[in-house]
């Protein structure tokens, strides 16, 4: 029997032990993002979403106070199980609950179709962030 996915919205203090290893695995080890820019001063201000498969943390994302969604990462072996959609839905819902009128994010170009499917509109030109092509995206709530 497969474990059911569970999502928790947490402060950084509570999410750090689960979220930081996922982000380092995905961004630093897999994608080559410099380690020193992965954790930043914004983490303490954010609402963090962590998805669990049983007791194992498998995905994470964060919602900043200004309505930006960022640092969404899912461990490779769980990427086709709807984890990203679960994270995005929870973060957008939290933004709605606190009264935000829109959410914005910086999407890796290869993930733009995923975000479009979830109601985001691409804006501006493609740019490089940490050596990876990105596109700004926005969704009105």
Protein backbone atom coordinates (compact mmCIF):
# COMPACT_ATOMS: atom_id res chain seq x y z
CA UNK A 1 0.00 0.00 0.00
CA UNK A 2 1.38 3.42 -1.00
CA UNK A 3 1.62 6.18 1.57
CA UNK A 4 -0.73 9.10 1.15
CA UNK A 5 0.88 12.46 0.51
CA UNK A 6 0.48 14.97 3.32
CA UNK A 7 1.27 18.68 3.12
CA UNK A 8 2.12 20.92 6.05
CA UNK A 9 2.44 24.71 6.11
CA UNK A 10 5.18 25.64 8.56
CA UNK A 11 7.41 28.43 9.79
CA UNK A 12 11.07 28.21 8.74
CA UNK A 13 11.99 27.22 12.26
CA UNK A 14 9.84 24.08 11.90
CA UNK A 15 10.37 23.49 8.16
CA UNK A 16 14.14 23.94 7.98
CA UNK A 17 15.14 20.36 8.83
CA UNK A 18 12.89 19.04 6.04
CA UNK A 19 13.06 21.80 3.42
CA UNK A 20 16.77 22.65 3.38
CA UNK A 21 17.97 19.13 2.42
CA UNK A 22 15.44 18.93 -0.43
CA UNK A 23 16.47 22.33 -1.77
CA UNK A 24 20.18 21.48 -1.57
CA UNK A 25 19.62 18.16 -3.36
CA UNK A 26 17.57 19.69 -6.18
CA UNK A 27 19.14 23.10 -6.63
CA UNK A 28 22.76 22.70 -5.54
CA UNK A 29 23.55 19.05 -6.33
CA UNK A 30 21.33 18.50 -9.40
CA UNK A 31 21.29 21.96 -10.96
CA UNK A 32 24.56 23.47 -9.81
CA UNK A 33 23.10 26.54 -8.09
CA UNK A 34 25.81 28.04 -5.84
CA UNK A 35 25.33 26.75 -2.27
CA UNK A 36 25.75 30.22 -0.76
CA UNK A 37 22.70 31.63 -2.53
CA UNK A 38 20.34 28.76 -1.84
CA UNK A 39 19.48 29.76 1.73
CA UNK A 40 18.75 33.45 2.17
CA UNK A 41 17.47 35.99 4.65
CA UNK A 42 13.91 35.62 3.33
CA UNK A 43 13.39 32.10 4.68
CA UNK A 44 12.55 33.31 8.19
CA UNK A 45 9.80 35.58 6.78
CA UNK A 46 8.10 32.94 4.66
CA UNK A 47 5.37 30.38 5.00
CA UNK A 48 6.94 27.06 4.00
CA UNK A 49 5.06 24.13 2.51
CA UNK A 50 6.52 20.66 2.97
CA UNK A 51 5.05 17.53 1.37
CA UNK A 52 5.55 14.21 3.11
CA UNK A 53 5.23 10.68 1.75
CA UNK A 54 4.77 8.86 5.04
CA UNK A 55 7.56 10.26 7.21
CA UNK A 56 9.82 11.26 4.31
CA UNK A 57 9.84 14.90 3.21
CA UNK A 58 9.76 14.87 -0.61
CA UNK A 59 8.92 18.41 -1.71
CA UNK A 60 8.98 21.99 -0.50
CA UNK A 61 8.13 25.55 -1.51
CA UNK A 62 7.72 28.93 0.14
CA UNK A 63 5.44 31.96 0.06
CA UNK A 64 7.05 35.31 0.77
CA UNK A 65 5.21 38.18 2.48
CA UNK A 66 4.98 40.09 -0.82
CA UNK A 67 3.11 37.30 -2.64
CA UNK A 68 6.10 35.71 -4.35
CA UNK A 69 6.25 31.93 -4.48
CA UNK A 70 9.71 30.47 -4.52
CA UNK A 71 12.11 27.66 -3.82
CA UNK A 72 9.72 24.95 -5.02
CA UNK A 73 11.65 21.70 -5.19
CA UNK A 74 10.61 18.05 -5.44
CA UNK A 75 12.97 15.10 -5.08
CA UNK A 76 13.56 13.49 -8.47
CA UNK A 77 11.94 10.14 -7.72
CA UNK A 78 8.67 11.86 -6.73
CA UNK A 79 8.31 14.35 -9.60
CA UNK A 80 5.52 12.62 -11.50
CA UNK A 81 3.21 12.12 -8.53
CA UNK A 82 1.53 15.54 -8.38
CA UNK A 83 3.76 16.86 -5.60
CA UNK A 84 4.48 20.15 -7.38
CA UNK A 85 0.78 20.75 -7.99
CA UNK A 86 0.04 20.03 -4.33
CA UNK A 87 2.71 22.52 -3.21
CA UNK A 88 1.52 25.20 -5.62
CA UNK A 89 -2.14 24.77 -4.64
CA UNK A 90 -1.34 25.06 -0.91
CA UNK A 91 0.81 28.17 -1.36
CA UNK A 92 -1.74 29.90 -3.61
CA UNK A 93 -4.50 29.05 -1.14
CA UNK A 94 -2.49 30.53 1.74
CA UNK A 95 -1.93 33.70 -0.33
CA UNK A 96 -5.69 33.97 -0.93
CA UNK A 97 -6.45 33.41 2.76
CA UNK A 98 -4.18 36.25 3.83
CA UNK A 99 -5.73 38.60 1.27
CA UNK A 100 -3.13 38.69 -1.50
CA UNK A 101 -4.58 39.72 -4.88
CA UNK A 102 -1.92 37.99 -6.96
CA UNK A 103 1.05 35.67 -6.72
CA UNK A 104 4.22 35.88 -8.76
CA UNK A 105 7.16 33.59 -9.29
CA UNK A 106 10.30 33.05 -11.27
CA UNK A 107 9.94 29.75 -13.15
CA UNK A 108 12.66 27.75 -14.77
CA UNK A 109 11.84 27.84 -18.48
CA UNK A 110 11.40 24.07 -18.61
CA UNK A 111 8.67 24.39 -15.92
CA UNK A 112 6.72 27.22 -17.62
CA UNK A 113 4.11 24.79 -19.11
CA UNK A 114 3.43 23.42 -15.60
CA UNK A 115 2.75 26.90 -14.24
CA UNK A 116 0.63 27.87 -17.26
CA UNK A 117 -1.52 24.81 -16.60
CA UNK A 118 -2.07 26.20 -13.08
CA UNK A 119 -3.29 29.62 -14.20
CA UNK A 120 -0.03 31.58 -14.37
CA UNK A 121 0.79 33.95 -17.24
CA UNK A 122 4.38 34.40 -18.45
CA UNK A 123 5.68 37.97 -18.47
CA UNK A 124 8.77 39.64 -19.90
CA UNK A 125 11.80 38.17 -21.55
CA UNK A 126 13.60 34.99 -20.56
CA UNK A 127 16.59 35.69 -18.31
CA UNK A 128 19.32 33.71 -16.60
CA UNK A 129 19.24 33.09 -12.85
CA UNK A 130 22.10 31.08 -11.35
CA UNK A 131 22.94 29.95 -14.89
CA UNK A 132 19.43 28.55 -15.55
CA UNK A 133 16.91 30.17 -17.97
CA UNK A 134 13.92 31.64 -16.11
CA UNK A 135 10.65 33.38 -16.94
CA UNK A 136 8.63 35.62 -14.63
CA UNK A 137 5.05 34.45 -14.13
CA UNK A 138 1.97 35.94 -12.48
CA UNK A 139 -1.46 34.69 -11.37
CA UNK A 140 -4.26 36.94 -10.23
CA UNK A 141 -6.28 35.57 -7.31
